[in-house]
Amino acid sequence: MKLLALFEGISNRVDRMVRWVLFLLILGMITAITLQIIFRVFFDSLVWTEEISRYLLVWSTFLGATMAYYRGMHINVTFVVDAMPQKIQKSVQTLAILASMVFFALAIKYGIDYMTIQIFQVSAALRVPMKWVYLVMPLSFAIMFLHGLTGISRVWVSKEAGETP
């Protein structure tokens, strides 16, 4: 129970932060695209708006995936698992979460590798180091890894299988 409470508390705080960051990213993207439209129609187009909106979209997508994973909103097929006995359901759910956590760990490693390859590259219009653009990959997969730990804790503490993210 204490372990679940610890993971739940950390996951909830991280999810709350991600929600606010995601809100600001989408707001920034809407603002940049609106400026691009206004300036393209009435003035000379702004060079940087397309680039920043693209990067904000990438960050929003990855961070949005962490929120969906935490809430169990990714697509899944459960009719076979639902037909199994309770103990087996918990084992299958645990294996599924562990498999996703293996993927998340590999994605963290390759995301960091990709960041280090791009360490000297800067974006064309904004001149932002690309490592900051690619940081979202290992960051979001680390958040999903944390949510996976919470999910496994939920599976084994809950009375019924199926109460997991």
N, C-alpha and C. Protein backbone atom coordinates (compact mmCIF):
# COMPACT_ATOMS: atom_id res chain seq x y z
N MET A 1 0.80 -1.20 0.00
CA MET A 1 0.00 0.00 0.00
C MET A 1 0.85 1.26 0.00
N LYS A 2 1.93 1.27 0.79
CA LYS A 2 2.78 2.45 0.85
C LYS A 2 3.46 2.70 -0.48
N LEU A 3 3.87 1.60 -1.13
CA LEU A 3 4.52 1.74 -2.43
C LEU A 3 3.55 2.30 -3.46
N LEU A 4 2.32 1.80 -3.44
CA LEU A 4 1.30 2.32 -4.36
C LEU A 4 1.05 3.80 -4.08
N ALA A 5 0.94 4.15 -2.81
CA ALA A 5 0.70 5.56 -2.46
C ALA A 5 1.85 6.45 -2.94
N LEU A 6 3.08 5.95 -2.81
CA LEU A 6 4.23 6.71 -3.28
C LEU A 6 4.18 6.90 -4.79
N PHE A 7 3.99 5.78 -5.54
CA PHE A 7 3.93 5.87 -7.00
C PHE A 7 2.74 6.72 -7.45
N GLU A 8 1.59 6.53 -6.81
CA GLU A 8 0.40 7.33 -7.16
C GLU A 8 0.66 8.82 -6.95
N GLY A 9 1.27 9.15 -5.82
CA GLY A 9 1.54 10.56 -5.54
C GLY A 9 2.47 11.19 -6.55
N ILE A 10 3.55 10.47 -6.87
CA ILE A 10 4.51 11.00 -7.86
C ILE A 10 3.85 11.08 -9.23
N SER A 11 3.15 10.01 -9.63
CA SER A 11 2.49 10.00 -10.94
C SER A 11 1.46 11.10 -11.06
N ASN A 12 0.68 11.31 -10.00
CA ASN A 12 -0.34 12.37 -10.03
C ASN A 12 0.30 13.75 -10.18
N ARG A 13 1.38 14.00 -9.43
CA ARG A 13 2.05 15.30 -9.53
C ARG A 13 2.66 15.51 -10.91
N VAL A 14 3.31 14.48 -11.43
CA VAL A 14 3.90 14.58 -12.76
C VAL A 14 2.81 14.79 -13.81
N ASP A 15 1.71 14.04 -13.68
CA ASP A 15 0.61 14.19 -14.63
C ASP A 15 0.01 15.60 -14.57
N ARG A 16 -0.12 16.14 -13.39
CA ARG A 16 -0.64 17.50 -13.22
C ARG A 16 0.28 18.52 -13.89
N MET A 17 1.60 18.35 -13.71
CA MET A 17 2.56 19.25 -14.36
C MET A 17 2.49 19.11 -15.88
N VAL A 18 2.42 17.88 -16.35
CA VAL A 18 2.35 17.63 -17.80
C VAL A 18 1.10 18.28 -18.37
N ARG A 19 0.00 18.19 -17.65
CA ARG A 19 -1.25 18.79 -18.12
C ARG A 19 -1.10 20.29 -18.33
N TRP A 20 -0.45 20.98 -17.37
CA TRP A 20 -0.26 22.43 -17.51
C TRP A 20 0.74 22.76 -18.62
N VAL A 21 1.81 21.99 -18.71
CA VAL A 21 2.79 22.22 -19.77
C VAL A 21 2.13 22.00 -21.13
N LEU A 22 1.33 20.94 -21.23
CA LEU A 22 0.64 20.64 -22.48
C LEU A 22 -0.33 21.76 -22.86
N PHE A 23 -1.03 22.29 -21.88
CA PHE A 23 -1.93 23.41 -22.13
C PHE A 23 -1.15 24.60 -22.70
N LEU A 24 -0.01 24.92 -22.09
CA LEU A 24 0.79 26.05 -22.55
C LEU A 24 1.38 25.80 -23.94
N LEU A 25 1.79 24.55 -24.20
CA LEU A 25 2.34 24.22 -25.52
C LEU A 25 1.28 24.39 -26.61
N ILE A 26 0.09 23.89 -26.34
CA ILE A 26 -0.98 24.01 -27.35
C ILE A 26 -1.40 25.47 -27.52
N LEU A 27 -1.44 26.21 -26.42
CA LEU A 27 -1.73 27.63 -26.52
C LEU A 27 -0.67 28.35 -27.35
N GLY A 28 0.59 28.03 -27.12
CA GLY A 28 1.67 28.61 -27.92
C GLY A 28 1.57 28.25 -29.38
N MET A 29 1.20 26.99 -29.65
CA MET A 29 1.07 26.55 -31.03
C MET A 29 -0.08 27.28 -31.73
N ILE A 30 -1.20 27.43 -31.05
CA ILE A 30 -2.33 28.16 -31.62
C ILE A 30 -1.94 29.61 -31.88
N THR A 31 -1.22 30.21 -30.96
CA THR A 31 -0.79 31.60 -31.12
C THR A 31 0.16 31.74 -32.32
N ALA A 32 1.11 30.83 -32.44
CA ALA A 32 2.07 30.90 -33.55
C ALA A 32 1.37 30.71 -34.90
N ILE A 33 0.45 29.77 -34.97
CA ILE A 33 -0.26 29.52 -36.23
C ILE A 33 -1.16 30.71 -36.58
N THR A 34 -1.80 31.29 -35.57
CA THR A 34 -2.64 32.47 -35.81
C THR A 34 -1.80 33.64 -36.31
N LEU A 35 -0.65 33.85 -35.68
CA LEU A 35 0.25 34.91 -36.16
C LEU A 35 0.69 34.65 -37.59
N GLN A 36 1.00 33.40 -37.90
CA GLN A 36 1.42 33.05 -39.26
C GLN A 36 0.33 33.39 -40.28
N ILE A 37 -0.91 33.07 -39.95
CA ILE A 37 -2.02 33.36 -40.87
C ILE A 37 -2.20 34.87 -41.02
N ILE A 38 -2.21 35.59 -39.92
CA ILE A 38 -2.41 37.04 -39.98
C ILE A 38 -1.29 37.72 -40.77
N PHE A 39 -0.05 37.35 -40.47
CA PHE A 39 1.07 37.98 -41.15
C PHE A 39 1.15 37.56 -42.62
N ARG A 40 0.77 36.35 -42.93
CA ARG A 40 0.81 35.91 -44.33
C ARG A 40 -0.23 36.64 -45.16
N VAL A 41 -1.39 36.91 -44.57
CA VAL A 41 -2.47 37.58 -45.30
C VAL A 41 -2.23 39.09 -45.39
N PHE A 42 -1.83 39.72 -44.30
CA PHE A 42 -1.77 41.18 -44.26
C PHE A 42 -0.36 41.77 -44.38
N PHE A 43 0.66 41.01 -44.05
CA PHE A 43 2.03 41.52 -44.06
C PHE A 43 2.93 40.49 -44.72
N ASP A 44 4.22 40.57 -44.46
CA ASP A 44 5.14 39.51 -44.89
C ASP A 44 5.09 38.39 -43.86
N SER A 45 5.16 37.17 -44.35
CA SER A 45 5.04 36.03 -43.43
C SER A 45 6.23 35.97 -42.48
N LEU A 46 5.96 35.47 -41.29
CA LEU A 46 7.01 35.30 -40.28
C LEU A 46 7.73 33.98 -40.53
N VAL A 47 9.02 34.01 -40.44
CA VAL A 47 9.83 32.83 -40.75
C VAL A 47 9.76 31.80 -39.64
N TRP A 48 9.72 32.23 -38.42
CA TRP A 48 9.87 31.34 -37.28
C TRP A 48 8.60 30.63 -36.84
N THR A 49 7.42 31.09 -37.28
CA THR A 49 6.17 30.54 -36.76
C THR A 49 5.95 29.09 -37.19
N GLU A 50 6.31 28.76 -38.40
CA GLU A 50 6.14 27.38 -38.86
C GLU A 50 7.02 26.43 -38.06
N GLU A 51 8.24 26.84 -37.83
CA GLU A 51 9.18 25.98 -37.10
C GLU A 51 8.76 25.80 -35.65
N ILE A 52 8.39 26.87 -34.99
CA ILE A 52 8.00 26.74 -33.59
C ILE A 52 6.71 25.95 -33.43
N SER A 53 5.77 26.13 -34.35
CA SER A 53 4.53 25.36 -34.25
C SER A 53 4.79 23.88 -34.47
N ARG A 54 5.72 23.54 -35.34
CA ARG A 54 6.09 22.13 -35.56
C ARG A 54 6.70 21.53 -34.30
N TYR A 55 7.61 22.24 -33.67
CA TYR A 55 8.25 21.73 -32.45
C TYR A 55 7.26 21.63 -31.29
N LEU A 56 6.38 22.61 -31.20
CA LEU A 56 5.36 22.56 -30.15
C LEU A 56 4.40 21.40 -30.37
N LEU A 57 4.10 21.09 -31.63
CA LEU A 57 3.24 19.94 -31.94
C LEU A 57 3.92 18.64 -31.54
N VAL A 58 5.20 18.52 -31.81
CA VAL A 58 5.93 17.30 -31.43
C VAL A 58 5.93 17.14 -29.91
N TRP A 59 6.23 18.21 -29.19
CA TRP A 59 6.22 18.15 -27.73
C TRP A 59 4.83 17.82 -27.21
N SER A 60 3.80 18.43 -27.79
CA SER A 60 2.42 18.17 -27.37
C SER A 60 2.03 16.72 -27.60
N THR A 61 2.47 16.17 -28.70
CA THR A 61 2.14 14.78 -29.02
C THR A 61 2.76 13.82 -28.02
N PHE A 62 4.04 13.98 -27.75
CA PHE A 62 4.71 13.08 -26.82
C PHE A 62 4.17 13.24 -25.39
N LEU A 63 3.99 14.47 -24.95
CA LEU A 63 3.47 14.68 -23.59
C LEU A 63 2.00 14.26 -23.48
N GLY A 64 1.25 14.44 -24.55
CA GLY A 64 -0.13 13.96 -24.56
C GLY A 64 -0.20 12.45 -24.47
N ALA A 65 0.78 11.77 -25.06
CA ALA A 65 0.82 10.31 -24.96
C ALA A 65 1.03 9.86 -23.52
N THR A 66 1.79 10.62 -22.73
CA THR A 66 1.98 10.25 -21.33
C THR A 66 0.67 10.37 -20.56
N MET A 67 -0.11 11.39 -20.88
CA MET A 67 -1.40 11.56 -20.22
C MET A 67 -2.35 10.44 -20.61
N ALA A 68 -2.37 10.08 -21.87
CA ALA A 68 -3.24 8.99 -22.33
C ALA A 68 -2.84 7.67 -21.69
N TYR A 69 -1.54 7.41 -21.59
CA TYR A 69 -1.08 6.16 -20.97
C TYR A 69 -1.47 6.11 -19.50
N TYR A 70 -1.33 7.20 -18.79
CA TYR A 70 -1.67 7.25 -17.37
C TYR A 70 -3.15 6.98 -17.15
N ARG A 71 -3.98 7.46 -18.05
CA ARG A 71 -5.43 7.29 -17.91
C ARG A 71 -5.95 6.01 -18.56
N GLY A 72 -5.06 5.22 -19.17
CA GLY A 72 -5.47 3.98 -19.82
C GLY A 72 -6.30 4.21 -21.07
N MET A 73 -6.00 5.29 -21.79
CA MET A 73 -6.81 5.66 -22.95
C MET A 73 -6.24 5.16 -24.28
N HIS A 74 -5.10 4.49 -24.25
CA HIS A 74 -4.58 3.91 -25.48
C HIS A 74 -5.42 2.69 -25.82
N ILE A 75 -5.53 2.40 -27.08
CA ILE A 75 -6.37 1.30 -27.52
C ILE A 75 -5.82 -0.03 -27.00
N ASN A 76 -6.71 -0.91 -26.59
CA ASN A 76 -6.31 -2.25 -26.18
C ASN A 76 -7.46 -3.21 -26.41
N VAL A 77 -7.12 -4.47 -26.52
CA VAL A 77 -8.11 -5.52 -26.73
C VAL A 77 -8.10 -6.39 -25.48
N THR A 78 -9.23 -6.46 -24.79
CA THR A 78 -9.24 -7.12 -23.49
C THR A 78 -10.21 -8.29 -23.39
N PHE A 79 -10.90 -8.64 -24.46
CA PHE A 79 -11.93 -9.66 -24.32
C PHE A 79 -11.37 -11.02 -23.93
N VAL A 80 -10.16 -11.34 -24.36
CA VAL A 80 -9.55 -12.62 -23.98
C VAL A 80 -9.13 -12.58 -22.51
N VAL A 81 -8.52 -11.49 -22.10
CA VAL A 81 -8.06 -11.35 -20.71
C VAL A 81 -9.27 -11.32 -19.77
N ASP A 82 -10.34 -10.66 -20.16
CA ASP A 82 -11.53 -10.57 -19.31
C ASP A 82 -12.16 -11.93 -19.05
N ALA A 83 -11.96 -12.90 -19.94
CA ALA A 83 -12.53 -14.23 -19.77
C ALA A 83 -11.69 -15.11 -18.84
N MET A 84 -10.51 -14.66 -18.45
CA MET A 84 -9.61 -15.45 -17.61
C MET A 84 -9.94 -15.27 -16.13
N PRO A 85 -9.48 -16.23 -15.30
CA PRO A 85 -9.64 -16.06 -13.85
C PRO A 85 -8.88 -14.83 -13.35
N GLN A 86 -9.30 -14.32 -12.19
CA GLN A 86 -8.77 -13.08 -11.63
C GLN A 86 -7.25 -13.07 -11.49
N LYS A 87 -6.68 -14.13 -10.94
CA LYS A 87 -5.22 -14.18 -10.73
C LYS A 87 -4.48 -14.14 -12.07
N ILE A 88 -4.99 -14.85 -13.05
CA ILE A 88 -4.34 -14.86 -14.36
C ILE A 88 -4.47 -13.49 -15.02
N GLN A 89 -5.62 -12.84 -14.83
CA GLN A 89 -5.79 -11.50 -15.37
C GLN A 89 -4.73 -10.55 -14.83
N LYS A 90 -4.49 -10.62 -13.53
CA LYS A 90 -3.48 -9.75 -12.92
C LYS A 90 -2.10 -10.05 -13.49
N SER A 91 -1.79 -11.33 -13.70
CA SER A 91 -0.49 -11.71 -14.26
C SER A 91 -0.34 -11.20 -15.69
N VAL A 92 -1.40 -11.36 -16.49
CA VAL A 92 -1.35 -10.89 -17.89
C VAL A 92 -1.23 -9.38 -17.94
N GLN A 93 -1.98 -8.69 -17.08
CA GLN A 93 -1.88 -7.22 -17.05
C GLN A 93 -0.47 -6.79 -16.65
N THR A 94 0.10 -7.48 -15.68
CA THR A 94 1.46 -7.16 -15.25
C THR A 94 2.45 -7.39 -16.38
N LEU A 95 2.32 -8.52 -17.09
CA LEU A 95 3.21 -8.79 -18.23
C LEU A 95 3.07 -7.73 -19.32
N ALA A 96 1.84 -7.31 -19.57
CA ALA A 96 1.62 -6.27 -20.59
C ALA A 96 2.28 -4.96 -20.18
N ILE A 97 2.13 -4.59 -18.92
CA ILE A 97 2.75 -3.34 -18.45
C ILE A 97 4.27 -3.47 -18.47
N LEU A 98 4.79 -4.64 -18.06
CA LEU A 98 6.24 -4.86 -18.09
C LEU A 98 6.78 -4.80 -19.52
N ALA A 99 6.04 -5.36 -20.47
CA ALA A 99 6.47 -5.29 -21.87
C ALA A 99 6.52 -3.85 -22.35
N SER A 100 5.50 -3.06 -21.97
CA SER A 100 5.52 -1.65 -22.37
C SER A 100 6.67 -0.91 -21.68
N MET A 101 6.98 -1.29 -20.43
CA MET A 101 8.07 -0.63 -19.73
C MET A 101 9.43 -0.97 -20.35
N VAL A 102 9.57 -2.18 -20.88
CA VAL A 102 10.80 -2.53 -21.61
C VAL A 102 10.92 -1.64 -22.84
N PHE A 103 9.81 -1.46 -23.56
CA PHE A 103 9.81 -0.57 -24.71
C PHE A 103 10.16 0.85 -24.29
N PHE A 104 9.57 1.33 -23.19
CA PHE A 104 9.86 2.68 -22.71
C PHE A 104 11.34 2.83 -22.36
N ALA A 105 11.91 1.83 -21.71
CA ALA A 105 13.33 1.89 -21.34
C ALA A 105 14.21 1.96 -22.59
N LEU A 106 13.89 1.15 -23.59
CA LEU A 106 14.65 1.20 -24.85
C LEU A 106 14.48 2.55 -25.54
N ALA A 107 13.27 3.08 -25.51
CA ALA A 107 13.02 4.38 -26.13
C ALA A 107 13.76 5.49 -25.40
N ILE A 108 13.87 5.39 -24.08
CA ILE A 108 14.65 6.37 -23.32
C ILE A 108 16.11 6.32 -23.77
N LYS A 109 16.65 5.11 -23.85
CA LYS A 109 18.06 4.95 -24.24
C LYS A 109 18.31 5.50 -25.65
N TYR A 110 17.45 5.12 -26.61
CA TYR A 110 17.65 5.59 -27.97
C TYR A 110 17.32 7.08 -28.12
N GLY A 111 16.40 7.59 -27.32
CA GLY A 111 16.13 9.02 -27.33
C GLY A 111 17.32 9.83 -26.86
N ILE A 112 17.98 9.33 -25.80
CA ILE A 112 19.19 10.00 -25.32
C ILE A 112 20.30 9.90 -26.36
N ASP A 113 20.44 8.73 -26.98
CA ASP A 113 21.44 8.58 -28.04
C ASP A 113 21.18 9.56 -29.18
N TYR A 114 19.91 9.69 -29.57
CA TYR A 114 19.56 10.60 -30.65
C TYR A 114 19.84 12.05 -30.27
N MET A 115 19.56 12.39 -29.02
CA MET A 115 19.87 13.75 -28.54
C MET A 115 21.36 14.04 -28.64
N THR A 116 22.19 13.07 -28.24
CA THR A 116 23.63 13.31 -28.26
C THR A 116 24.17 13.40 -29.68
N ILE A 117 23.55 12.70 -30.61
CA ILE A 117 23.96 12.82 -32.01
C ILE A 117 23.67 14.24 -32.52
N GLN A 118 22.55 14.81 -32.10
CA GLN A 118 22.11 16.12 -32.59
C GLN A 118 22.59 17.28 -31.73
N ILE A 119 23.54 17.05 -30.86
CA ILE A 119 23.92 18.04 -29.84
C ILE A 119 24.46 19.35 -30.44
N PHE A 120 25.06 19.29 -31.61
CA PHE A 120 25.64 20.51 -32.19
C PHE A 120 24.76 21.15 -33.25
N GLN A 121 23.67 20.50 -33.61
CA GLN A 121 22.77 21.02 -34.63
C GLN A 121 21.83 22.06 -34.02
N VAL A 122 21.57 23.14 -34.78
CA VAL A 122 20.61 24.15 -34.35
C VAL A 122 19.51 24.25 -35.40
N SER A 123 18.34 24.69 -34.97
CA SER A 123 17.22 24.81 -35.91
C SER A 123 17.47 25.95 -36.89
N ALA A 124 16.84 25.88 -38.03
CA ALA A 124 17.11 26.83 -39.11
C ALA A 124 16.65 28.26 -38.78
N ALA A 125 15.43 28.42 -38.34
CA ALA A 125 14.90 29.76 -38.13
C ALA A 125 15.13 30.28 -36.72
N LEU A 126 14.88 29.47 -35.73
CA LEU A 126 14.97 29.92 -34.35
C LEU A 126 16.37 29.84 -33.76
N ARG A 127 17.23 29.04 -34.39
CA ARG A 127 18.60 28.81 -33.92
C ARG A 127 18.62 28.17 -32.53
N VAL A 128 17.62 27.36 -32.25
CA VAL A 128 17.52 26.64 -30.98
C VAL A 128 18.33 25.35 -31.10
N PRO A 129 19.12 25.00 -30.10
CA PRO A 129 19.83 23.71 -30.16
C PRO A 129 18.81 22.57 -30.27
N MET A 130 19.02 21.69 -31.22
CA MET A 130 18.06 20.62 -31.47
C MET A 130 17.98 19.62 -30.33
N LYS A 131 18.98 19.60 -29.46
CA LYS A 131 18.90 18.69 -28.31
C LYS A 131 17.69 19.02 -27.45
N TRP A 132 17.28 20.30 -27.40
CA TRP A 132 16.11 20.68 -26.62
C TRP A 132 14.83 20.23 -27.31
N VAL A 133 14.84 20.18 -28.61
CA VAL A 133 13.67 19.68 -29.34
C VAL A 133 13.53 18.18 -29.12
N TYR A 134 14.64 17.45 -29.17
CA TYR A 134 14.61 15.99 -29.04
C TYR A 134 14.55 15.52 -27.59
N LEU A 135 14.69 16.42 -26.63
CA LEU A 135 14.61 16.06 -25.22
C LEU A 135 13.26 15.44 -24.86
N VAL A 136 12.23 15.80 -25.58
CA VAL A 136 10.90 15.31 -25.26
C VAL A 136 10.80 13.79 -25.39
N MET A 137 11.61 13.18 -26.23
CA MET A 137 11.52 11.72 -26.40
C MET A 137 11.92 10.98 -25.12
N PRO A 138 13.13 11.14 -24.61
CA PRO A 138 13.45 10.41 -23.38
C PRO A 138 12.62 10.89 -22.19
N LEU A 139 12.28 12.17 -22.16
CA LEU A 139 11.49 12.69 -21.05
C LEU A 139 10.11 12.04 -21.00
N SER A 140 9.42 12.00 -22.11
CA SER A 140 8.07 11.44 -22.12
C SER A 140 8.08 9.94 -21.85
N PHE A 141 9.07 9.22 -22.38
CA PHE A 141 9.13 7.79 -22.11
C PHE A 141 9.51 7.51 -20.66
N ALA A 142 10.28 8.38 -20.04
CA ALA A 142 10.58 8.23 -18.61
C ALA A 142 9.31 8.45 -17.79
N ILE A 143 8.50 9.40 -18.18
CA ILE A 143 7.23 9.63 -17.49
C ILE A 143 6.32 8.41 -17.65
N MET A 144 6.26 7.85 -18.86
CA MET A 144 5.44 6.66 -19.06
C MET A 144 5.98 5.46 -18.29
N PHE A 145 7.30 5.37 -18.14
CA PHE A 145 7.90 4.30 -17.34
C PHE A 145 7.43 4.44 -15.89
N LEU A 146 7.45 5.65 -15.37
CA LEU A 146 6.95 5.91 -14.01
C LEU A 146 5.48 5.51 -13.90
N HIS A 147 4.67 5.89 -14.88
CA HIS A 147 3.26 5.52 -14.86
C HIS A 147 3.09 4.00 -14.94
N GLY A 148 4.00 3.31 -15.63
CA GLY A 148 3.97 1.86 -15.67
C GLY A 148 4.20 1.24 -14.29
N LEU A 149 5.14 1.81 -13.54
CA LEU A 149 5.36 1.35 -12.17
C LEU A 149 4.10 1.53 -11.33
N THR A 150 3.44 2.65 -11.52
CA THR A 150 2.19 2.90 -10.82
C THR A 150 1.13 1.89 -11.24
N GLY A 151 1.09 1.59 -12.52
CA GLY A 151 0.11 0.63 -13.04
C GLY A 151 0.30 -0.76 -12.46
N ILE A 152 1.54 -1.21 -12.36
CA ILE A 152 1.81 -2.53 -11.78
C ILE A 152 1.40 -2.53 -10.31
N SER A 153 1.70 -1.46 -9.60
CA SER A 153 1.29 -1.37 -8.20
C SER A 153 -0.22 -1.43 -8.06
N ARG A 154 -0.92 -0.74 -8.95
CA ARG A 154 -2.38 -0.75 -8.92
C ARG A 154 -2.94 -2.15 -9.15
N VAL A 155 -2.34 -2.87 -10.10
CA VAL A 155 -2.83 -4.21 -10.43
C VAL A 155 -2.79 -5.10 -9.20
N TRP A 156 -1.71 -5.07 -8.47
CA TRP A 156 -1.55 -6.01 -7.37
C TRP A 156 -2.17 -5.54 -6.07
N VAL A 157 -2.50 -4.27 -5.95
CA VAL A 157 -3.16 -3.78 -4.75
C VAL A 157 -4.68 -3.83 -4.91
N SER A 158 -5.15 -3.65 -6.15
CA SER A 158 -6.60 -3.60 -6.39
C SER A 158 -7.23 -4.97 -6.15
N LYS A 159 -8.50 -4.96 -5.76
CA LYS A 159 -9.23 -6.20 -5.53
C LYS A 159 -9.57 -6.90 -6.84
N GLU A 160 -9.85 -6.12 -7.87
CA GLU A 160 -10.23 -6.70 -9.15
C GLU A 160 -9.21 -6.32 -10.20
N ALA A 161 -8.98 -7.24 -11.13
CA ALA A 161 -8.13 -6.93 -12.27
C ALA A 161 -8.89 -5.96 -13.15
N GLY A 162 -8.17 -5.18 -13.92
CA GLY A 162 -8.82 -4.24 -14.82
C GLY A 162 -8.87 -2.82 -14.28
N GLU A 163 -8.44 -2.61 -13.06
CA GLU A 163 -8.44 -1.26 -12.48
C GLU A 163 -7.09 -0.59 -12.66
N THR A 164 -6.48 -0.74 -13.81
CA THR A 164 -5.15 -0.20 -14.05
C THR A 164 -5.19 0.83 -15.16
N PRO A 165 -4.13 1.59 -15.27
CA PRO A 165 -4.06 2.55 -16.39
C PRO A 165 -3.80 1.84 -17.68
